[in-house]
Amino acid sequence: MEKLETIVHAELASQKALEAARSHARDLFKQAEAQAELVVLEAERETAGQIEELTLRIRREAQATADSVAIEAEAELDRLIRHAEKEFEPAVRAVVKALRGD
């Protein structure tokens, strides 16, 4: 009878140990899930920050390019206006001469 009690006692102790191990495993799993969620959230925040930085850098580069193109276009326009102004007076004289029949 003593052996049977010992076996039953050992079985109960084994079941308690198994339940404790399962409970511990569930707790560890829940902690791992929570940590994984935190890692995902942090990665999303970091990615959003990187996207924002890249967007800002691209906008700055685009603005610099646009400014450079605008400066070049303005310089070309000035050159064309100066050229047109130089040619205007001789062209007017030629028209007047032609109208006079000279």
PDB file of N, CA and C in Angstrom:
ATOM      1  N   MET A   1       0.810  -1.181   0.000  1.00  0.00           N
ATOM      2  CA  MET A   1       0.000   0.000   0.000  1.00  0.00           C
ATOM      3  C   MET A   1       0.864   1.259   0.000  1.00  0.00           C
ATOM      4  N   GLU A   2       1.956   1.172   0.726  1.00  0.00           N
ATOM      5  CA  GLU A   2       2.877   2.311   0.780  1.00  0.00           C
ATOM      6  C   GLU A   2       3.446   2.624  -0.601  1.00  0.00           C
ATOM      7  N   LYS A   3       3.752   1.574  -1.338  1.00  0.00           N
ATOM      8  CA  LYS A   3       4.295   1.765  -2.684  1.00  0.00           C
ATOM      9  C   LYS A   3       3.250   2.445  -3.567  1.00  0.00           C
ATOM     10  N   LEU A   4       2.009   2.041  -3.422  1.00  0.00           N
ATOM     11  CA  LEU A   4       0.943   2.638  -4.216  1.00  0.00           C
ATOM     12  C   LEU A   4       0.789   4.115  -3.876  1.00  0.00           C
ATOM     13  N   GLU A   5       0.855   4.434  -2.597  1.00  0.00           N
ATOM     14  CA  GLU A   5       0.780   5.842  -2.180  1.00  0.00           C
ATOM     15  C   GLU A   5       1.959   6.633  -2.733  1.00  0.00           C
ATOM     16  N   THR A   6       3.109   6.028  -2.712  1.00  0.00           N
ATOM     17  CA  THR A   6       4.307   6.688  -3.239  1.00  0.00           C
ATOM     18  C   THR A   6       4.145   6.942  -4.736  1.00  0.00           C
ATOM     19  N   ILE A   7       3.613   5.946  -5.440  1.00  0.00           N
ATOM     20  CA  ILE A   7       3.413   6.087  -6.886  1.00  0.00           C
ATOM     21  C   ILE A   7       2.374   7.164  -7.166  1.00  0.00           C
ATOM     22  N   VAL A   8       1.261   7.157  -6.426  1.00  0.00           N
ATOM     23  CA  VAL A   8       0.215   8.161  -6.619  1.00  0.00           C
ATOM     24  C   VAL A   8       0.764   9.541  -6.292  1.00  0.00           C
ATOM     25  N   HIS A   9       1.515   9.630  -5.202  1.00  0.00           N
ATOM     26  CA  HIS A   9       2.116  10.913  -4.814  1.00  0.00           C
ATOM     27  C   HIS A   9       3.077  11.410  -5.906  1.00  0.00           C
ATOM     28  N   ALA A  10       3.882  10.501  -6.433  1.00  0.00           N
ATOM     29  CA  ALA A  10       4.826  10.854  -7.499  1.00  0.00           C
ATOM     30  C   ALA A  10       4.068  11.286  -8.753  1.00  0.00           C
ATOM     31  N   GLU A  11       2.970  10.576  -9.065  1.00  0.00           N
ATOM     32  CA  GLU A  11       2.157  10.930 -10.232  1.00  0.00           C
ATOM     33  C   GLU A  11       1.569  12.330 -10.075  1.00  0.00           C
ATOM     34  N   LEU A  12       1.031  12.630  -8.880  1.00  0.00           N
ATOM     35  CA  LEU A  12       0.472  13.964  -8.629  1.00  0.00           C
ATOM     36  C   LEU A  12       1.552  15.037  -8.724  1.00  0.00           C
ATOM     37  N   ALA A  13       2.710  14.751  -8.164  1.00  0.00           N
ATOM     38  CA  ALA A  13       3.828  15.697  -8.232  1.00  0.00           C
ATOM     39  C   ALA A  13       4.243  15.906  -9.681  1.00  0.00           C
ATOM     40  N   SER A  14       4.246  14.835 -10.458  1.00  0.00           N
ATOM     41  CA  SER A  14       4.612  14.919 -11.873  1.00  0.00           C
ATOM     42  C   SER A  14       3.598  15.768 -12.639  1.00  0.00           C
ATOM     43  N   GLN A  15       2.315  15.566 -12.357  1.00  0.00           N
ATOM     44  CA  GLN A  15       1.274  16.357 -13.020  1.00  0.00           C
ATOM     45  C   GLN A  15       1.391  17.835 -12.657  1.00  0.00           C
ATOM     46  N   LYS A  16       1.672  18.117 -11.378  1.00  0.00           N
ATOM     47  CA  LYS A  16       1.847  19.514 -10.954  1.00  0.00           C
ATOM     48  C   LYS A  16       3.051  20.136 -11.651  1.00  0.00           C
ATOM     49  N   ALA A  17       4.133  19.365 -11.730  1.00  0.00           N
ATOM     50  CA  ALA A  17       5.338  19.864 -12.395  1.00  0.00           C
ATOM     51  C   ALA A  17       5.065  20.112 -13.878  1.00  0.00           C
ATOM     52  N   LEU A  18       4.321  19.192 -14.502  1.00  0.00           N
ATOM     53  CA  LEU A  18       3.983  19.347 -15.916  1.00  0.00           C
ATOM     54  C   LEU A  18       3.104  20.576 -16.128  1.00  0.00           C
ATOM     55  N   GLU A  19       2.115  20.771 -15.265  1.00  0.00           N
ATOM     56  CA  GLU A  19       1.246  21.948 -15.380  1.00  0.00           C
ATOM     57  C   GLU A  19       2.043  23.233 -15.156  1.00  0.00           C
ATOM     58  N   ALA A  20       2.951  23.204 -14.200  1.00  0.00           N
ATOM     59  CA  ALA A  20       3.796  24.380 -13.954  1.00  0.00           C
ATOM     60  C   ALA A  20       4.666  24.670 -15.174  1.00  0.00           C
ATOM     61  N   ALA A  21       5.205  23.612 -15.795  1.00  0.00           N
ATOM     62  CA  ALA A  21       6.036  23.791 -16.991  1.00  0.00           C
ATOM     63  C   ALA A  21       5.202  24.350 -18.139  1.00  0.00           C
ATOM     64  N   ARG A  22       3.985  23.838 -18.297  1.00  0.00           N
ATOM     65  CA  ARG A  22       3.105  24.352 -19.355  1.00  0.00           C
ATOM     66  C   ARG A  22       2.760  25.821 -19.108  1.00  0.00           C
ATOM     67  N   SER A  23       2.450  26.140 -17.875  1.00  0.00           N
ATOM     68  CA  SER A  23       2.124  27.524 -17.520  1.00  0.00           C
ATOM     69  C   SER A  23       3.313  28.441 -17.790  1.00  0.00           C
ATOM     70  N   HIS A  24       4.493  27.981 -17.423  1.00  0.00           N
ATOM     71  CA  HIS A  24       5.708  28.769 -17.662  1.00  0.00           C
ATOM     72  C   HIS A  24       5.930  28.948 -19.173  1.00  0.00           C
ATOM     73  N   ALA A  25       5.704  27.874 -19.921  1.00  0.00           N
ATOM     74  CA  ALA A  25       5.872  27.955 -21.381  1.00  0.00           C
ATOM     75  C   ALA A  25       4.873  28.939 -21.981  1.00  0.00           C
ATOM     76  N   ARG A  26       3.610  28.921 -21.493  1.00  0.00           N
ATOM     77  CA  ARG A  26       2.614  29.880 -21.992  1.00  0.00           C
ATOM     78  C   ARG A  26       3.040  31.315 -21.671  1.00  0.00           C
ATOM     79  N   ASP A  27       3.536  31.521 -20.449  1.00  0.00           N
ATOM     80  CA  ASP A  27       3.997  32.857 -20.060  1.00  0.00           C
ATOM     81  C   ASP A  27       5.146  33.323 -20.955  1.00  0.00           C
ATOM     82  N   LEU A  28       6.091  32.421 -21.194  1.00  0.00           N
ATOM     83  CA  LEU A  28       7.220  32.767 -22.071  1.00  0.00           C
ATOM     84  C   LEU A  28       6.732  33.099 -23.476  1.00  0.00           C
ATOM     85  N   PHE A  29       5.766  32.327 -23.966  1.00  0.00           N
ATOM     86  CA  PHE A  29       5.219  32.575 -25.297  1.00  0.00           C
ATOM     87  C   PHE A  29       4.539  33.937 -25.353  1.00  0.00           C
ATOM     88  N   LYS A  30       3.750  34.258 -24.331  1.00  0.00           N
ATOM     89  CA  LYS A  30       3.083  35.566 -24.284  1.00  0.00           C
ATOM     90  C   LYS A  30       4.104  36.697 -24.239  1.00  0.00           C
ATOM     91  N   GLN A  31       5.157  36.509 -23.454  1.00  0.00           N
ATOM     92  CA  GLN A  31       6.210  37.532 -23.388  1.00  0.00           C
ATOM     93  C   GLN A  31       6.889  37.690 -24.745  1.00  0.00           C
ATOM     94  N   ALA A  32       7.148  36.563 -25.404  1.00  0.00           N
ATOM     95  CA  ALA A  32       7.782  36.618 -26.726  1.00  0.00           C
ATOM     96  C   ALA A  32       6.879  37.325 -27.728  1.00  0.00           C
ATOM     97  N   GLU A  33       5.579  37.038 -27.673  1.00  0.00           N
ATOM     98  CA  GLU A  33       4.636  37.730 -28.563  1.00  0.00           C
ATOM     99  C   GLU A  33       4.639  39.228 -28.306  1.00  0.00           C
ATOM    100  N   ALA A  34       4.610  39.606 -27.026  1.00  0.00           N
ATOM    101  CA  ALA A  34       4.606  41.032 -26.677  1.00  0.00           C
ATOM    102  C   ALA A  34       5.884  41.704 -27.156  1.00  0.00           C
ATOM    103  N   GLN A  35       7.022  41.034 -26.967  1.00  0.00           N
ATOM    104  CA  GLN A  35       8.290  41.608 -27.421  1.00  0.00           C
ATOM    105  C   GLN A  35       8.326  41.704 -28.942  1.00  0.00           C
ATOM    106  N   ALA A  36       7.782  40.700 -29.614  1.00  0.00           N
ATOM    107  CA  ALA A  36       7.746  40.737 -31.080  1.00  0.00           C
ATOM    108  C   ALA A  36       6.898  41.906 -31.562  1.00  0.00           C
ATOM    109  N   GLU A  37       5.775  42.150 -30.898  1.00  0.00           N
ATOM    110  CA  GLU A  37       4.932  43.293 -31.266  1.00  0.00           C
ATOM    111  C   GLU A  37       5.681  44.603 -31.073  1.00  0.00           C
ATOM    112  N   LEU A  38       6.426  44.700 -29.972  1.00  0.00           N
ATOM    113  CA  LEU A  38       7.207  45.915 -29.727  1.00  0.00           C
ATOM    114  C   LEU A  38       8.276  46.104 -30.796  1.00  0.00           C
ATOM    115  N   VAL A  39       8.921  45.012 -31.177  1.00  0.00           N
ATOM    116  CA  VAL A  39       9.951  45.083 -32.221  1.00  0.00           C
ATOM    117  C   VAL A  39       9.328  45.539 -33.539  1.00  0.00           C
ATOM    118  N   VAL A  40       8.163  44.996 -33.863  1.00  0.00           N
ATOM    119  CA  VAL A  40       7.476  45.385 -35.105  1.00  0.00           C
ATOM    120  C   VAL A  40       7.105  46.863 -35.063  1.00  0.00           C
ATOM    121  N   LEU A  41       6.548  47.313 -33.935  1.00  0.00           N
ATOM    122  CA  LEU A  41       6.178  48.729 -33.811  1.00  0.00           C
ATOM    123  C   LEU A  41       7.398  49.631 -33.936  1.00  0.00           C
ATOM    124  N   GLU A  42       8.491  49.244 -33.295  1.00  0.00           N
ATOM    125  CA  GLU A  42       9.715  50.043 -33.373  1.00  0.00           C
ATOM    126  C   GLU A  42      10.241  50.066 -34.804  1.00  0.00           C
ATOM    127  N   ALA A  43      10.193  48.914 -35.472  1.00  0.00           N
ATOM    128  CA  ALA A  43      10.645  48.852 -36.866  1.00  0.00           C
ATOM    129  C   ALA A  43       9.772  49.728 -37.755  1.00  0.00           C
ATOM    130  N   GLU A  44       8.465  49.724 -37.501  1.00  0.00           N
ATOM    131  CA  GLU A  44       7.565  50.580 -38.284  1.00  0.00           C
ATOM    132  C   GLU A  44       7.881  52.049 -38.044  1.00  0.00           C
ATOM    133  N   ARG A  45       8.125  52.412 -36.776  1.00  0.00           N
ATOM    134  CA  ARG A  45       8.471  53.812 -36.483  1.00  0.00           C
ATOM    135  C   ARG A  45       9.785  54.199 -37.148  1.00  0.00           C
ATOM    136  N   GLU A  46      10.748  53.297 -37.056  1.00  0.00           N
ATOM    137  CA  GLU A  46      12.056  53.574 -37.655  1.00  0.00           C
ATOM    138  C   GLU A  46      11.932  53.711 -39.169  1.00  0.00           C
ATOM    139  N   THR A  47      11.163  52.813 -39.777  1.00  0.00           N
ATOM    140  CA  THR A  47      10.958  52.868 -41.225  1.00  0.00           C
ATOM    141  C   THR A  47      10.251  54.160 -41.620  1.00  0.00           C
ATOM    142  N   ALA A  48       9.245  54.542 -40.838  1.00  0.00           N
ATOM    143  CA  ALA A  48       8.534  55.796 -41.127  1.00  0.00           C
ATOM    144  C   ALA A  48       9.496  56.976 -41.032  1.00  0.00           C
ATOM    145  N   GLY A  49      10.376  56.944 -40.034  1.00  0.00           N
ATOM    146  CA  GLY A  49      11.368  58.014 -39.901  1.00  0.00           C
ATOM    147  C   GLY A  49      12.318  58.049 -41.080  1.00  0.00           C
ATOM    148  N   GLN A  50      12.744  56.871 -41.521  1.00  0.00           N
ATOM    149  CA  GLN A  50      13.647  56.810 -42.671  1.00  0.00           C
ATOM    150  C   GLN A  50      12.949  57.298 -43.936  1.00  0.00           C
ATOM    151  N   ILE A  51      11.691  56.928 -44.093  1.00  0.00           N
ATOM    152  CA  ILE A  51      10.926  57.392 -45.260  1.00  0.00           C
ATOM    153  C   ILE A  51      10.808  58.908 -45.232  1.00  0.00           C
ATOM    154  N   GLU A  52      10.536  59.441 -44.052  1.00  0.00           N
ATOM    155  CA  GLU A  52      10.413  60.900 -43.919  1.00  0.00           C
ATOM    156  C   GLU A  52      11.732  61.588 -44.261  1.00  0.00           C
ATOM    157  N   GLU A  53      12.849  61.031 -43.764  1.00  0.00           N
ATOM    158  CA  GLU A  53      14.163  61.607 -44.067  1.00  0.00           C
ATOM    159  C   GLU A  53      14.459  61.539 -45.563  1.00  0.00           C
ATOM    160  N   LEU A  54      14.172  60.385 -46.177  1.00  0.00           N
ATOM    161  CA  LEU A  54      14.409  60.242 -47.616  1.00  0.00           C
ATOM    162  C   LEU A  54      13.542  61.198 -48.422  1.00  0.00           C
ATOM    163  N   THR A  55      12.293  61.326 -48.026  1.00  0.00           N
ATOM    164  CA  THR A  55      11.383  62.239 -48.719  1.00  0.00           C
ATOM    165  C   THR A  55      11.903  63.662 -48.633  1.00  0.00           C
ATOM    166  N   LEU A  56      12.340  64.059 -47.453  1.00  0.00           N
ATOM    167  CA  LEU A  56      12.868  65.409 -47.267  1.00  0.00           C
ATOM    168  C   LEU A  56      14.118  65.613 -48.115  1.00  0.00           C
ATOM    169  N   ARG A  57      15.015  64.612 -48.121  1.00  0.00           N
ATOM    170  CA  ARG A  57      16.245  64.728 -48.911  1.00  0.00           C
ATOM    171  C   ARG A  57      15.920  64.823 -50.402  1.00  0.00           C
ATOM    172  N   ILE A  58      14.976  64.005 -50.859  1.00  0.00           N
ATOM    173  CA  ILE A  58      14.595  64.031 -52.278  1.00  0.00           C
ATOM    174  C   ILE A  58      13.981  65.375 -52.636  1.00  0.00           C
ATOM    175  N   ARG A  59      13.142  65.901 -51.746  1.00  0.00           N
ATOM    176  CA  ARG A  59      12.542  67.219 -52.005  1.00  0.00           C
ATOM    177  C   ARG A  59      13.613  68.300 -52.080  1.00  0.00           C
ATOM    178  N   ARG A  60      14.582  68.232 -51.166  1.00  0.00           N
ATOM    179  CA  ARG A  60      15.671  69.228 -51.190  1.00  0.00           C
ATOM    180  C   ARG A  60      16.472  69.126 -52.480  1.00  0.00           C
ATOM    181  N   GLU A  61      16.784  67.884 -52.885  1.00  0.00           N
ATOM    182  CA  GLU A  61      17.540  67.694 -54.122  1.00  0.00           C
ATOM    183  C   GLU A  61      16.735  68.175 -55.331  1.00  0.00           C
ATOM    184  N   ALA A  62      15.448  67.880 -55.333  1.00  0.00           N
ATOM    185  CA  ALA A  62      14.589  68.324 -56.435  1.00  0.00           C
ATOM    186  C   ALA A  62      14.514  69.845 -56.475  1.00  0.00           C
ATOM    187  N   GLN A  63      14.416  70.474 -55.307  1.00  0.00           N
ATOM    188  CA  GLN A  63      14.365  71.937 -55.251  1.00  0.00           C
ATOM    189  C   GLN A  63      15.676  72.533 -55.738  1.00  0.00           C
ATOM    190  N   ALA A  64      16.800  71.914 -55.333  1.00  0.00           N
ATOM    191  CA  ALA A  64      18.102  72.402 -55.788  1.00  0.00           C
ATOM    192  C   ALA A  64      18.217  72.272 -57.306  1.00  0.00           C
ATOM    193  N   THR A  65      17.752  71.159 -57.847  1.00  0.00           N
ATOM    194  CA  THR A  65      17.778  70.965 -59.298  1.00  0.00           C
ATOM    195  C   THR A  65      16.880  71.986 -59.987  1.00  0.00           C
ATOM    196  N   ALA A  66      15.692  72.186 -59.441  1.00  0.00           N
ATOM    197  CA  ALA A  66      14.764  73.165 -60.024  1.00  0.00           C
ATOM    198  C   ALA A  66      15.363  74.565 -59.969  1.00  0.00           C
ATOM    199  N   ASP A  67      15.998  74.905 -58.854  1.00  0.00           N
ATOM    200  CA  ASP A  67      16.638  76.220 -58.735  1.00  0.00           C
ATOM    201  C   ASP A  67      17.744  76.377 -59.767  1.00  0.00           C
ATOM    202  N   SER A  68      18.537  75.330 -59.941  1.00  0.00           N
ATOM    203  CA  SER A  68      19.630  75.371 -60.913  1.00  0.00           C
ATOM    204  C   SER A  68      19.089  75.532 -62.334  1.00  0.00           C
ATOM    205  N   VAL A  69      18.052  74.782 -62.663  1.00  0.00           N
ATOM    206  CA  VAL A  69      17.440  74.887 -63.999  1.00  0.00           C
ATOM    207  C   VAL A  69      16.846  76.277 -64.195  1.00  0.00           C
ATOM    208  N   ALA A  70      16.219  76.817 -63.165  1.00  0.00           N
ATOM    209  CA  ALA A  70      15.633  78.160 -63.260  1.00  0.00           C
ATOM    210  C   ALA A  70      16.718  79.203 -63.491  1.00  0.00           C
ATOM    211  N   ILE A  71      17.847  79.064 -62.808  1.00  0.00           N
ATOM    212  CA  ILE A  71      18.959  80.009 -62.993  1.00  0.00           C
ATOM    213  C   ILE A  71      19.484  79.920 -64.426  1.00  0.00           C
ATOM    214  N   GLU A  72      19.655  78.690 -64.921  1.00  0.00           N
ATOM    215  CA  GLU A  72      20.131  78.511 -66.294  1.00  0.00           C
ATOM    216  C   GLU A  72      19.127  79.077 -67.303  1.00  0.00           C
ATOM    217  N   ALA A  73      17.852  78.834 -67.071  1.00  0.00           N
ATOM    218  CA  ALA A  73      16.817  79.338 -67.982  1.00  0.00           C
ATOM    219  C   ALA A  73      16.786  80.860 -67.971  1.00  0.00           C
ATOM    220  N   GLU A  74      16.929  81.441 -66.797  1.00  0.00           N
ATOM    221  CA  GLU A  74      16.932  82.908 -66.693  1.00  0.00           C
ATOM    222  C   GLU A  74      18.143  83.495 -67.410  1.00  0.00           C
ATOM    223  N   ALA A  75      19.295  82.839 -67.272  1.00  0.00           N
ATOM    224  CA  ALA A  75      20.501  83.310 -67.959  1.00  0.00           C
ATOM    225  C   ALA A  75      20.318  83.212 -69.473  1.00  0.00           C
ATOM    226  N   GLU A  76      19.723  82.115 -69.930  1.00  0.00           N
ATOM    227  CA  GLU A  76      19.481  81.954 -71.368  1.00  0.00           C
ATOM    228  C   GLU A  76      18.487  83.001 -71.867  1.00  0.00           C
ATOM    229  N   LEU A  77      17.453  83.266 -71.093  1.00  0.00           N
ATOM    230  CA  LEU A  77      16.475  84.291 -71.460  1.00  0.00           C
ATOM    231  C   LEU A  77      17.144  85.663 -71.543  1.00  0.00           C
ATOM    232  N   ASP A  78      17.977  85.988 -70.558  1.00  0.00           N
ATOM    233  CA  ASP A  78      18.708  87.262 -70.589  1.00  0.00           C
ATOM    234  C   ASP A  78      19.573  87.356 -71.841  1.00  0.00           C
ATOM    235  N   ARG A  79      20.258  86.264 -72.178  1.00  0.00           N
ATOM    236  CA  ARG A  79      21.111  86.254 -73.374  1.00  0.00           C
ATOM    237  C   ARG A  79      20.271  86.481 -74.628  1.00  0.00           C
ATOM    238  N   LEU A  80      19.120  85.815 -74.710  1.00  0.00           N
ATOM    239  CA  LEU A  80      18.252  85.985 -75.877  1.00  0.00           C
ATOM    240  C   LEU A  80      17.698  87.406 -75.959  1.00  0.00           C
ATOM    241  N   ILE A  81      17.336  87.983 -74.830  1.00  0.00           N
ATOM    242  CA  ILE A  81      16.823  89.366 -74.817  1.00  0.00           C
ATOM    243  C   ILE A  81      17.907  90.334 -75.267  1.00  0.00           C
ATOM    244  N   ARG A  82      19.133  90.156 -74.750  1.00  0.00           N
ATOM    245  CA  ARG A  82      20.234  91.051 -75.166  1.00  0.00           C
ATOM    246  C   ARG A  82      20.489  90.920 -76.670  1.00  0.00           C
ATOM    247  N   HIS A  83      20.461  89.690 -77.154  1.00  0.00           N
ATOM    248  CA  HIS A  83      20.671  89.467 -78.583  1.00  0.00           C
ATOM    249  C   HIS A  83      19.553  90.133 -79.393  1.00  0.00           C
ATOM    250  N   ALA A  84      18.305  89.981 -78.943  1.00  0.00           N
ATOM    251  CA  ALA A  84      17.172  90.595 -79.641  1.00  0.00           C
ATOM    252  C   ALA A  84      17.274  92.111 -79.608  1.00  0.00           C
ATOM    253  N   GLU A  85      17.703  92.665 -78.467  1.00  0.00           N
ATOM    254  CA  GLU A  85      17.850  94.124 -78.357  1.00  0.00           C
ATOM    255  C   GLU A  85      18.924  94.634 -79.308  1.00  0.00           C
ATOM    256  N   LYS A  86      20.020  93.873 -79.450  1.00  0.00           N
ATOM    257  CA  LYS A  86      21.094  94.279 -80.362  1.00  0.00           C
ATOM    258  C   LYS A  86      20.616  94.244 -81.816  1.00  0.00           C
ATOM    259  N   GLU A  87      19.804  93.290 -82.149  1.00  0.00           N
ATOM    260  CA  GLU A  87      19.326  93.123 -83.518  1.00  0.00           C
ATOM    261  C   GLU A  87      18.133  94.022 -83.841  1.00  0.00           C
ATOM    262  N   PHE A  88      17.452  94.556 -82.813  1.00  0.00           N
ATOM    263  CA  PHE A  88      16.236  95.327 -83.021  1.00  0.00           C
ATOM    264  C   PHE A  88      16.501  96.600 -83.820  1.00  0.00           C
ATOM    265  N   GLU A  89      17.461  97.397 -83.362  1.00  0.00           N
ATOM    266  CA  GLU A  89      17.719  98.691 -84.015  1.00  0.00           C
ATOM    267  C   GLU A  89      18.142  98.522 -85.475  1.00  0.00           C
ATOM    268  N   PRO A  90      19.095  97.633 -85.772  1.00  0.00           N
ATOM    269  CA  PRO A  90      19.442  97.449 -87.187  1.00  0.00           C
ATOM    270  C   PRO A  90      18.258  96.934 -88.016  1.00  0.00           C
ATOM    271  N   ALA A  91      17.409  96.114 -87.425  1.00  0.00           N
ATOM    272  CA  ALA A  91      16.246  95.605 -88.159  1.00  0.00           C
ATOM    273  C   ALA A  91      15.266  96.726 -88.448  1.00  0.00           C
ATOM    274  N   VAL A  92      15.055  97.620 -87.478  1.00  0.00           N
ATOM    275  CA  VAL A  92      14.154  98.759 -87.690  1.00  0.00           C
ATOM    276  C   VAL A  92      14.719  99.645 -88.791  1.00  0.00           C
ATOM    277  N   ARG A  93      16.029  99.911 -88.751  1.00  0.00           N
ATOM    278  CA  ARG A  93      16.653 100.734 -89.798  1.00  0.00           C
ATOM    279  C   ARG A  93      16.468 100.099 -91.170  1.00  0.00           C
ATOM    280  N   ALA A  94      16.629  98.775 -91.225  1.00  0.00           N
ATOM    281  CA  ALA A  94      16.485  98.084 -92.510  1.00  0.00           C
ATOM    282  C   ALA A  94      15.051  98.188 -93.019  1.00  0.00           C
ATOM    283  N   VAL A  95      14.074  98.088 -92.138  1.00  0.00           N
ATOM    284  CA  VAL A  95      12.670  98.213 -92.544  1.00  0.00           C
ATOM    285  C   VAL A  95      12.395  99.626 -93.024  1.00  0.00           C
ATOM    286  N   VAL A  96      12.872 100.623 -92.264  1.00  0.00           N
ATOM    287  CA  VAL A  96      12.663 102.024 -92.659  1.00  0.00           C
ATOM    288  C   VAL A  96      13.310 102.273 -94.016  1.00  0.00           C
ATOM    289  N   LYS A  97      14.521 101.773 -94.201  1.00  0.00           N
ATOM    290  CA  LYS A  97      15.225 101.935 -95.467  1.00  0.00           C
ATOM    291  C   LYS A  97      14.424 101.299 -96.602  1.00  0.00           C
ATOM    292  N   ALA A  98      13.896 100.125 -96.343  1.00  0.00           N
ATOM    293  CA  ALA A  98      13.130  99.417 -97.368  1.00  0.00           C
ATOM    294  C   ALA A  98      11.851 100.168 -97.695  1.00  0.00           C
ATOM    295  N   LEU A  99      11.223 100.746 -96.693  1.00  0.00           N
ATOM    296  CA  LEU A  99       9.999 101.508 -96.927  1.00  0.00           C
ATOM    297  C   LEU A  99      10.288 102.785 -97.709  1.00  0.00           C
ATOM    298  N   ARG A 100      11.417 103.374 -97.471  1.00  0.00           N
ATOM    299  CA  ARG A 100      11.789 104.595 -98.195  1.00  0.00           C
ATOM    300  C   ARG A 100      12.206 104.267 -99.627  1.00  0.00           C
ATOM    301  N   GLY A 101      12.593 103.054 -99.809  1.00  0.00           N
ATOM    302  CA  GLY A 101      13.057 102.664-101.133  1.00  0.00           C
ATOM    303  C   GLY A 101      14.530 102.923-101.310  1.00  0.00           C
ATOM    304  N   ASP A 102      15.231 103.042-100.226  1.00  0.00           N
ATOM    305  CA  ASP A 102      16.679 103.314-100.323  1.00  0.00           C
ATOM    306  C   ASP A 102      17.450 102.141-100.814  1.00  0.00           C
TER     307      ASP A 102
END
